Amino acid sequence: MEPDDKILDELKKLREIQQDLLDGQKAALSIQRQQFEMAKAQFTRAEKLNDRAEKIQDTSARLMAAARKTMVFVLPVILFLLVYLTWLIFR
């Protein structure tokens, strides 16, 4: 073999190695894209869940406020009825 043939063989080997490395990088990039898409989907789902949780908490807060306002009226009425019932029993 002549020196030029050896150099050509070595260059071909280098090109094959570089092609293998490039193929590996393409595969890694593909996997990273898939992971990015999965993370993006999870983020979207998490945002939806947070929005839903906020709506539920707002509804709960309104219900609790209404219950407090109602108790201000109902408790004195119940107390009055208990006193009246006690008076009727012991009269």
PDB file of N, CA and C in Angstrom:
ATOM      1  N   MET A   1       0.825  -1.177   0.000  1.00  0.00           N
ATOM      2  CA  MET A   1       0.000   0.000   0.000  1.00  0.00           C
ATOM      3  C   MET A   1       0.874   1.247   0.000  1.00  0.00           C
ATOM      4  N   GLU A   2       0.426   2.160  -0.734  1.00  0.00           N
ATOM      5  CA  GLU A   2       1.156   3.417  -0.815  1.00  0.00           C
ATOM      6  C   GLU A   2       0.715   4.339   0.311  1.00  0.00           C
ATOM      7  N   PRO A   3       1.517   5.313   0.658  1.00  0.00           N
ATOM      8  CA  PRO A   3       1.151   6.249   1.724  1.00  0.00           C
ATOM      9  C   PRO A   3      -0.160   6.982   1.431  1.00  0.00           C
ATOM     10  N   ASP A   4      -0.427   7.275   0.182  1.00  0.00           N
ATOM     11  CA  ASP A   4      -1.679   7.974  -0.152  1.00  0.00           C
ATOM     12  C   ASP A   4      -2.886   7.087   0.135  1.00  0.00           C
ATOM     13  N   ASP A   5      -2.754   5.796  -0.114  1.00  0.00           N
ATOM     14  CA  ASP A   5      -3.856   4.871   0.160  1.00  0.00           C
ATOM     15  C   ASP A   5      -4.109   4.771   1.660  1.00  0.00           C
ATOM     16  N   LYS A   6      -3.033   4.764   2.435  1.00  0.00           N
ATOM     17  CA  LYS A   6      -3.191   4.714   3.901  1.00  0.00           C
ATOM     18  C   LYS A   6      -3.896   5.968   4.404  1.00  0.00           C
ATOM     19  N   ILE A   7      -3.498   7.071   3.860  1.00  0.00           N
ATOM     20  CA  ILE A   7      -4.123   8.337   4.276  1.00  0.00           C
ATOM     21  C   ILE A   7      -5.600   8.335   3.900  1.00  0.00           C
ATOM     22  N   LEU A   8      -5.898   7.845   2.705  1.00  0.00           N
ATOM     23  CA  LEU A   8      -7.310   7.779   2.284  1.00  0.00           C
ATOM     24  C   LEU A   8      -8.102   6.838   3.185  1.00  0.00           C
ATOM     25  N   ASP A   9      -7.526   5.697   3.553  1.00  0.00           N
ATOM     26  CA  ASP A   9      -8.221   4.763   4.451  1.00  0.00           C
ATOM     27  C   ASP A   9      -8.474   5.405   5.813  1.00  0.00           C
ATOM     28  N   GLU A  10      -7.480   6.090   6.324  1.00  0.00           N
ATOM     29  CA  GLU A  10      -7.635   6.755   7.626  1.00  0.00           C
ATOM     30  C   GLU A  10      -8.689   7.852   7.555  1.00  0.00           C
ATOM     31  N   LEU A  11      -8.683   8.589   6.483  1.00  0.00           N
ATOM     32  CA  LEU A  11      -9.703   9.637   6.327  1.00  0.00           C
ATOM     33  C   LEU A  11     -11.106   9.038   6.227  1.00  0.00           C
ATOM     34  N   LYS A  12     -11.212   7.893   5.529  1.00  0.00           N
ATOM     35  CA  LYS A  12     -12.518   7.224   5.449  1.00  0.00           C
ATOM     36  C   LYS A  12     -12.970   6.752   6.818  1.00  0.00           C
ATOM     37  N   LYS A  13     -12.018   6.220   7.618  1.00  0.00           N
ATOM     38  CA  LYS A  13     -12.366   5.786   8.974  1.00  0.00           C
ATOM     39  C   LYS A  13     -12.817   6.975   9.816  1.00  0.00           C
ATOM     40  N   LEU A  14     -12.095   8.076   9.683  1.00  0.00           N
ATOM     41  CA  LEU A  14     -12.485   9.284  10.422  1.00  0.00           C
ATOM     42  C   LEU A  14     -13.879   9.754  10.016  1.00  0.00           C
ATOM     43  N   ARG A  15     -14.151   9.704   8.721  1.00  0.00           N
ATOM     44  CA  ARG A  15     -15.474  10.121   8.242  1.00  0.00           C
ATOM     45  C   ARG A  15     -16.563   9.194   8.791  1.00  0.00           C
ATOM     46  N   GLU A  16     -16.288   7.887   8.835  1.00  0.00           N
ATOM     47  CA  GLU A  16     -17.261   6.940   9.399  1.00  0.00           C
ATOM     48  C   GLU A  16     -17.494   7.214  10.881  1.00  0.00           C
ATOM     49  N   ILE A  17     -16.413   7.477  11.597  1.00  0.00           N
ATOM     50  CA  ILE A  17     -16.540   7.787  13.034  1.00  0.00           C
ATOM     51  C   ILE A  17     -17.346   9.061  13.221  1.00  0.00           C
ATOM     52  N   GLN A  18     -17.056  10.079  12.426  1.00  0.00           N
ATOM     53  CA  GLN A  18     -17.810  11.327  12.529  1.00  0.00           C
ATOM     54  C   GLN A  18     -19.281  11.109  12.185  1.00  0.00           C
ATOM     55  N   GLN A  19     -19.544  10.265  11.206  1.00  0.00           N
ATOM     56  CA  GLN A  19     -20.935   9.977  10.840  1.00  0.00           C
ATOM     57  C   GLN A  19     -21.645   9.255  11.982  1.00  0.00           C
ATOM     58  N   ASP A  20     -20.939   8.309  12.623  1.00  0.00           N
ATOM     59  CA  ASP A  20     -21.527   7.615  13.779  1.00  0.00           C
ATOM     60  C   ASP A  20     -21.820   8.596  14.904  1.00  0.00           C
ATOM     61  N   LEU A  21     -20.875   9.510  15.160  1.00  0.00           N
ATOM     62  CA  LEU A  21     -21.095  10.530  16.191  1.00  0.00           C
ATOM     63  C   LEU A  21     -22.274  11.423  15.839  1.00  0.00           C
ATOM     64  N   LEU A  22     -22.373  11.796  14.584  1.00  0.00           N
ATOM     65  CA  LEU A  22     -23.487  12.636  14.142  1.00  0.00           C
ATOM     66  C   LEU A  22     -24.812  11.908  14.304  1.00  0.00           C
ATOM     67  N   ASP A  23     -24.834  10.617  13.969  1.00  0.00           N
ATOM     68  CA  ASP A  23     -26.056   9.822  14.155  1.00  0.00           C
ATOM     69  C   ASP A  23     -26.436   9.746  15.632  1.00  0.00           C
ATOM     70  N   GLY A  24     -25.425   9.590  16.491  1.00  0.00           N
ATOM     71  CA  GLY A  24     -25.690   9.561  17.927  1.00  0.00           C
ATOM     72  C   GLY A  24     -26.242  10.885  18.428  1.00  0.00           C
ATOM     73  N   GLN A  25     -25.701  11.979  17.917  1.00  0.00           N
ATOM     74  CA  GLN A  25     -26.205  13.302  18.312  1.00  0.00           C
ATOM     75  C   GLN A  25     -27.637  13.503  17.829  1.00  0.00           C
ATOM     76  N   LYS A  26     -27.939  12.997  16.633  1.00  0.00           N
ATOM     77  CA  LYS A  26     -29.314  13.106  16.123  1.00  0.00           C
ATOM     78  C   LYS A  26     -30.280  12.332  17.012  1.00  0.00           C
ATOM     79  N   ALA A  27     -29.858  11.145  17.439  1.00  0.00           N
ATOM     80  CA  ALA A  27     -30.715  10.337  18.313  1.00  0.00           C
ATOM     81  C   ALA A  27     -30.916  11.040  19.654  1.00  0.00           C
ATOM     82  N   ALA A  28     -29.826  11.600  20.195  1.00  0.00           N
ATOM     83  CA  ALA A  28     -29.929  12.309  21.476  1.00  0.00           C
ATOM     84  C   ALA A  28     -30.840  13.525  21.351  1.00  0.00           C
ATOM     85  N   LEU A  29     -30.731  14.232  20.240  1.00  0.00           N
ATOM     86  CA  LEU A  29     -31.581  15.399  20.017  1.00  0.00           C
ATOM     87  C   LEU A  29     -33.046  14.990  19.899  1.00  0.00           C
ATOM     88  N   SER A  30     -33.296  13.881  19.252  1.00  0.00           N
ATOM     89  CA  SER A  30     -34.662  13.379  19.135  1.00  0.00           C
ATOM     90  C   SER A  30     -35.245  13.057  20.505  1.00  0.00           C
ATOM     91  N   ILE A  31     -34.449  12.424  21.346  1.00  0.00           N
ATOM     92  CA  ILE A  31     -34.900  12.095  22.707  1.00  0.00           C
ATOM     93  C   ILE A  31     -35.158  13.376  23.498  1.00  0.00           C
ATOM     94  N   GLN A  32     -34.275  14.351  23.362  1.00  0.00           N
ATOM     95  CA  GLN A  32     -34.475  15.618  24.069  1.00  0.00           C
ATOM     96  C   GLN A  32     -35.741  16.313  23.603  1.00  0.00           C
ATOM     97  N   ARG A  33     -36.042  16.243  22.320  1.00  0.00           N
ATOM     98  CA  ARG A  33     -37.289  16.842  21.817  1.00  0.00           C
ATOM     99  C   ARG A  33     -38.504  16.155  22.428  1.00  0.00           C
ATOM    100  N   GLN A  34     -38.450  14.821  22.507  1.00  0.00           N
ATOM    101  CA  GLN A  34     -39.560  14.081  23.112  1.00  0.00           C
ATOM    102  C   GLN A  34     -39.724  14.475  24.570  1.00  0.00           C
ATOM    103  N   GLN A  35     -38.624  14.587  25.293  1.00  0.00           N
ATOM    104  CA  GLN A  35     -38.701  14.971  26.705  1.00  0.00           C
ATOM    105  C   GLN A  35     -39.250  16.384  26.853  1.00  0.00           C
ATOM    106  N   PHE A  36     -38.844  17.273  25.944  1.00  0.00           N
ATOM    107  CA  PHE A  36     -39.362  18.630  25.979  1.00  0.00           C
ATOM    108  C   PHE A  36     -40.862  18.655  25.753  1.00  0.00           C
ATOM    109  N   GLU A  37     -41.329  17.878  24.798  1.00  0.00           N
ATOM    110  CA  GLU A  37     -42.769  17.818  24.532  1.00  0.00           C
ATOM    111  C   GLU A  37     -43.525  17.255  25.734  1.00  0.00           C
ATOM    112  N   MET A  38     -42.947  16.235  26.368  1.00  0.00           N
ATOM    113  CA  MET A  38     -43.588  15.675  27.566  1.00  0.00           C
ATOM    114  C   MET A  38     -43.642  16.712  28.680  1.00  0.00           C
ATOM    115  N   ALA A  39     -42.550  17.436  28.892  1.00  0.00           N
ATOM    116  CA  ALA A  39     -42.515  18.465  29.937  1.00  0.00           C
ATOM    117  C   ALA A  39     -43.512  19.577  29.626  1.00  0.00           C
ATOM    118  N   LYS A  40     -43.613  19.928  28.356  1.00  0.00           N
ATOM    119  CA  LYS A  40     -44.563  20.962  27.944  1.00  0.00           C
ATOM    120  C   LYS A  40     -45.994  20.517  28.223  1.00  0.00           C
ATOM    121  N   ALA A  41     -46.304  19.262  27.906  1.00  0.00           N
ATOM    122  CA  ALA A  41     -47.648  18.737  28.164  1.00  0.00           C
ATOM    123  C   ALA A  41     -47.937  18.699  29.664  1.00  0.00           C
ATOM    124  N   GLN A  42     -46.950  18.298  30.457  1.00  0.00           N
ATOM    125  CA  GLN A  42     -47.146  18.262  31.906  1.00  0.00           C
ATOM    126  C   GLN A  42     -47.366  19.667  32.453  1.00  0.00           C
ATOM    127  N   PHE A  43     -46.635  20.630  31.936  1.00  0.00           N
ATOM    128  CA  PHE A  43     -46.804  22.011  32.378  1.00  0.00           C
ATOM    129  C   PHE A  43     -48.198  22.516  32.050  1.00  0.00           C
ATOM    130  N   THR A  44     -48.677  22.184  30.869  1.00  0.00           N
ATOM    131  CA  THR A  44     -50.030  22.593  30.469  1.00  0.00           C
ATOM    132  C   THR A  44     -51.067  21.973  31.391  1.00  0.00           C
ATOM    133  N   ARG A  45     -50.890  20.668  31.675  1.00  0.00           N
ATOM    134  CA  ARG A  45     -51.830  20.006  32.592  1.00  0.00           C
ATOM    135  C   ARG A  45     -51.775  20.625  33.981  1.00  0.00           C
ATOM    136  N   ALA A  46     -50.581  20.950  34.446  1.00  0.00           N
ATOM    137  CA  ALA A  46     -50.438  21.544  35.771  1.00  0.00           C
ATOM    138  C   ALA A  46     -51.118  22.913  35.821  1.00  0.00           C
ATOM    139  N   GLU A  47     -50.987  23.695  34.758  1.00  0.00           N
ATOM    140  CA  GLU A  47     -51.661  24.992  34.713  1.00  0.00           C
ATOM    141  C   GLU A  47     -53.178  24.820  34.783  1.00  0.00           C
ATOM    142  N   LYS A  48     -53.697  23.852  34.042  1.00  0.00           N
ATOM    143  CA  LYS A  48     -55.143  23.603  34.063  1.00  0.00           C
ATOM    144  C   LYS A  48     -55.598  23.190  35.458  1.00  0.00           C
ATOM    145  N   LEU A  49     -54.812  22.310  36.097  1.00  0.00           N
ATOM    146  CA  LEU A  49     -55.170  21.878  37.452  1.00  0.00           C
ATOM    147  C   LEU A  49     -55.132  23.049  38.428  1.00  0.00           C
ATOM    148  N   ASN A  50     -54.136  23.915  38.300  1.00  0.00           N
ATOM    149  CA  ASN A  50     -54.057  25.081  39.178  1.00  0.00           C
ATOM    150  C   ASN A  50     -55.236  26.014  38.967  1.00  0.00           C
ATOM    151  N   ASP A  51     -55.624  26.222  37.725  1.00  0.00           N
ATOM    152  CA  ASP A  51     -56.782  27.069  37.441  1.00  0.00           C
ATOM    153  C   ASP A  51     -58.045  26.471  38.053  1.00  0.00           C
ATOM    154  N   ARG A  52     -58.192  25.170  37.901  1.00  0.00           N
ATOM    155  CA  ARG A  52     -59.365  24.492  38.463  1.00  0.00           C
ATOM    156  C   ARG A  52     -59.362  24.588  39.988  1.00  0.00           C
ATOM    157  N   ALA A  53     -58.193  24.416  40.601  1.00  0.00           N
ATOM    158  CA  ALA A  53     -58.090  24.509  42.063  1.00  0.00           C
ATOM    159  C   ALA A  53     -58.436  25.916  42.539  1.00  0.00           C
ATOM    160  N   GLU A  54     -57.986  26.927  41.799  1.00  0.00           N
ATOM    161  CA  GLU A  54     -58.321  28.303  42.179  1.00  0.00           C
ATOM    162  C   GLU A  54     -59.827  28.542  42.117  1.00  0.00           C
ATOM    163  N   LYS A  55     -60.471  28.022  41.085  1.00  0.00           N
ATOM    164  CA  LYS A  55     -61.927  28.189  40.966  1.00  0.00           C
ATOM    165  C   LYS A  55     -62.639  27.500  42.132  1.00  0.00           C
ATOM    166  N   ILE A  56     -62.188  26.303  42.476  1.00  0.00           N
ATOM    167  CA  ILE A  56     -62.797  25.572  43.589  1.00  0.00           C
ATOM    168  C   ILE A  56     -62.607  26.337  44.893  1.00  0.00           C
ATOM    169  N   GLN A  57     -61.406  26.884  45.097  1.00  0.00           N
ATOM    170  CA  GLN A  57     -61.149  27.644  46.322  1.00  0.00           C
ATOM    171  C   GLN A  57     -61.999  28.909  46.380  1.00  0.00           C
ATOM    172  N   ASP A  58     -62.174  29.569  45.250  1.00  0.00           N
ATOM    173  CA  ASP A  58     -63.030  30.760  45.223  1.00  0.00           C
ATOM    174  C   ASP A  58     -64.468  30.398  45.577  1.00  0.00           C
ATOM    175  N   THR A  59     -64.955  29.308  45.004  1.00  0.00           N
ATOM    176  CA  THR A  59     -66.313  28.859  45.305  1.00  0.00           C
ATOM    177  C   THR A  59     -66.447  28.513  46.785  1.00  0.00           C
ATOM    178  N   SER A  60     -65.458  27.823  47.313  1.00  0.00           N
ATOM    179  CA  SER A  60     -65.473  27.450  48.729  1.00  0.00           C
ATOM    180  C   SER A  60     -65.471  28.685  49.624  1.00  0.00           C
ATOM    181  N   ALA A  61     -64.681  29.673  49.268  1.00  0.00           N
ATOM    182  CA  ALA A  61     -64.630  30.906  50.064  1.00  0.00           C
ATOM    183  C   ALA A  61     -65.985  31.614  50.056  1.00  0.00           C
ATOM    184  N   ARG A  62     -66.638  31.641  48.895  1.00  0.00           N
ATOM    185  CA  ARG A  62     -67.965  32.276  48.827  1.00  0.00           C
ATOM    186  C   ARG A  62     -68.983  31.513  49.678  1.00  0.00           C
ATOM    187  N   LEU A  63     -68.916  30.169  49.609  1.00  0.00           N
ATOM    188  CA  LEU A  63     -69.841  29.368  50.416  1.00  0.00           C
ATOM    189  C   LEU A  63     -69.616  29.589  51.913  1.00  0.00           C
ATOM    190  N   MET A  64     -68.355  29.648  52.321  1.00  0.00           N
ATOM    191  CA  MET A  64     -68.060  29.861  53.742  1.00  0.00           C
ATOM    192  C   MET A  64     -68.527  31.247  54.199  1.00  0.00           C
ATOM    193  N   ALA A  65     -68.359  32.251  53.359  1.00  0.00           N
ATOM    194  CA  ALA A  65     -68.827  33.599  53.710  1.00  0.00           C
ATOM    195  C   ALA A  65     -70.346  33.615  53.848  1.00  0.00           C
ATOM    196  N   ALA A  66     -71.022  32.940  52.938  1.00  0.00           N
ATOM    197  CA  ALA A  66     -72.487  32.877  53.023  1.00  0.00           C
ATOM    198  C   ALA A  66     -72.914  32.114  54.278  1.00  0.00           C
ATOM    199  N   ALA A  67     -72.201  31.047  54.622  1.00  0.00           N
ATOM    200  CA  ALA A  67     -72.543  30.276  55.816  1.00  0.00           C
ATOM    201  C   ALA A  67     -72.345  31.115  57.075  1.00  0.00           C
ATOM    202  N   ARG A  68     -71.292  31.900  57.133  1.00  0.00           N
ATOM    203  CA  ARG A  68     -71.069  32.769  58.304  1.00  0.00           C
ATOM    204  C   ARG A  68     -72.190  33.798  58.449  1.00  0.00           C
ATOM    205  N   LYS A  69     -72.574  34.388  57.319  1.00  0.00           N
ATOM    206  CA  LYS A  69     -73.660  35.382  57.371  1.00  0.00           C
ATOM    207  C   LYS A  69     -74.960  34.731  57.822  1.00  0.00           C
ATOM    208  N   THR A  70     -75.216  33.513  57.360  1.00  0.00           N
ATOM    209  CA  THR A  70     -76.430  32.803  57.733  1.00  0.00           C
ATOM    210  C   THR A  70     -76.418  32.446  59.214  1.00  0.00           C
ATOM    211  N   MET A  71     -75.266  32.032  59.723  1.00  0.00           N
ATOM    212  CA  MET A  71     -75.179  31.644  61.137  1.00  0.00           C
ATOM    213  C   MET A  71     -75.452  32.824  62.065  1.00  0.00           C
ATOM    214  N   VAL A  72     -75.088  34.021  61.646  1.00  0.00           N
ATOM    215  CA  VAL A  72     -75.366  35.213  62.460  1.00  0.00           C
ATOM    216  C   VAL A  72     -76.870  35.361  62.672  1.00  0.00           C
ATOM    217  N   PHE A  73     -77.658  34.965  61.708  1.00  0.00           N
ATOM    218  CA  PHE A  73     -79.111  35.061  61.826  1.00  0.00           C
ATOM    219  C   PHE A  73     -79.710  33.811  62.485  1.00  0.00           C
ATOM    220  N   VAL A  74     -79.197  32.635  62.127  1.00  0.00           N
ATOM    221  CA  VAL A  74     -79.803  31.379  62.564  1.00  0.00           C
ATOM    222  C   VAL A  74     -79.541  31.097  64.044  1.00  0.00           C
ATOM    223  N   LEU A  75     -78.335  31.331  64.522  1.00  0.00           N
ATOM    224  CA  LEU A  75     -78.021  31.018  65.925  1.00  0.00           C
ATOM    225  C   LEU A  75     -78.906  31.768  66.924  1.00  0.00           C
ATOM    226  N   PRO A  76     -79.136  33.060  66.764  1.00  0.00           N
ATOM    227  CA  PRO A  76     -80.056  33.725  67.706  1.00  0.00           C
ATOM    228  C   PRO A  76     -81.483  33.158  67.639  1.00  0.00           C
ATOM    229  N   VAL A  77     -81.930  32.783  66.456  1.00  0.00           N
ATOM    230  CA  VAL A  77     -83.277  32.209  66.323  1.00  0.00           C
ATOM    231  C   VAL A  77     -83.335  30.873  67.059  1.00  0.00           C
ATOM    232  N   ILE A  78     -82.327  30.033  66.896  1.00  0.00           N
ATOM    233  CA  ILE A  78     -82.292  28.737  67.584  1.00  0.00           C
ATOM    234  C   ILE A  78     -82.244  28.943  69.092  1.00  0.00           C
ATOM    235  N   LEU A  79     -81.418  29.870  69.533  1.00  0.00           N
ATOM    236  CA  LEU A  79     -81.331  30.157  70.974  1.00  0.00           C
ATOM    237  C   LEU A  79     -82.678  30.632  71.512  1.00  0.00           C
ATOM    238  N   PHE A  80     -83.343  31.522  70.771  1.00  0.00           N
ATOM    239  CA  PHE A  80     -84.662  31.988  71.199  1.00  0.00           C
ATOM    240  C   PHE A  80     -85.657  30.829  71.286  1.00  0.00           C
ATOM    241  N   LEU A  81     -85.641  29.934  70.294  1.00  0.00           N
ATOM    242  CA  LEU A  81     -86.573  28.805  70.311  1.00  0.00           C
ATOM    243  C   LEU A  81     -86.284  27.854  71.472  1.00  0.00           C
ATOM    244  N   LEU A  82     -85.005  27.650  71.791  1.00  0.00           N
ATOM    245  CA  LEU A  82     -84.669  26.803  72.949  1.00  0.00           C
ATOM    246  C   LEU A  82     -85.161  27.417  74.252  1.00  0.00           C
ATOM    247  N   VAL A  83     -84.962  28.707  74.383  1.00  0.00           N
ATOM    248  CA  VAL A  83     -85.443  29.394  75.592  1.00  0.00           C
ATOM    249  C   VAL A  83     -86.966  29.309  75.664  1.00  0.00           C
ATOM    250  N   TYR A  84     -87.631  29.507  74.547  1.00  0.00           N
ATOM    251  CA  TYR A  84     -89.087  29.434  74.515  1.00  0.00           C
ATOM    252  C   TYR A  84     -89.572  28.025  74.847  1.00  0.00           C
ATOM    253  N   LEU A  85     -88.909  26.993  74.296  1.00  0.00           N
ATOM    254  CA  LEU A  85     -89.282  25.607  74.582  1.00  0.00           C
ATOM    255  C   LEU A  85     -89.064  25.279  76.053  1.00  0.00           C
ATOM    256  N   THR A  86     -87.956  25.760  76.612  1.00  0.00           N
ATOM    257  CA  THR A  86     -87.683  25.537  78.034  1.00  0.00           C
ATOM    258  C   THR A  86     -88.772  26.208  78.883  1.00  0.00           C
ATOM    259  N   TRP A  87     -89.144  27.420  78.515  1.00  0.00           N
ATOM    260  CA  TRP A  87     -90.194  28.126  79.254  1.00  0.00           C
ATOM    261  C   TRP A  87     -91.518  27.377  79.182  1.00  0.00           C
ATOM    262  N   LEU A  88     -91.845  26.801  77.979  1.00  0.00           N
ATOM    263  CA  LEU A  88     -93.080  26.049  77.830  1.00  0.00           C
ATOM    264  C   LEU A  88     -93.069  24.774  78.690  1.00  0.00           C
ATOM    265  N   ILE A  89     -91.912  24.097  78.767  1.00  0.00           N
ATOM    266  CA  ILE A  89     -91.817  22.855  79.533  1.00  0.00           C
ATOM    267  C   ILE A  89     -91.940  23.112  81.014  1.00  0.00           C
ATOM    268  N   PHE A  90     -91.296  24.131  81.511  1.00  0.00           N
ATOM    269  CA  PHE A  90     -91.277  24.380  82.960  1.00  0.00           C
ATOM    270  C   PHE A  90     -92.358  25.355  83.423  1.00  0.00           C
ATOM    271  N   ARG A  91     -93.264  25.695  82.618  1.00  0.00           N
ATOM    272  CA  ARG A  91     -94.304  26.645  82.981  1.00  0.00           C
ATOM    273  C   ARG A  91     -95.295  26.043  83.903  1.00  0.00           C
TER     274      ARG A  91
END
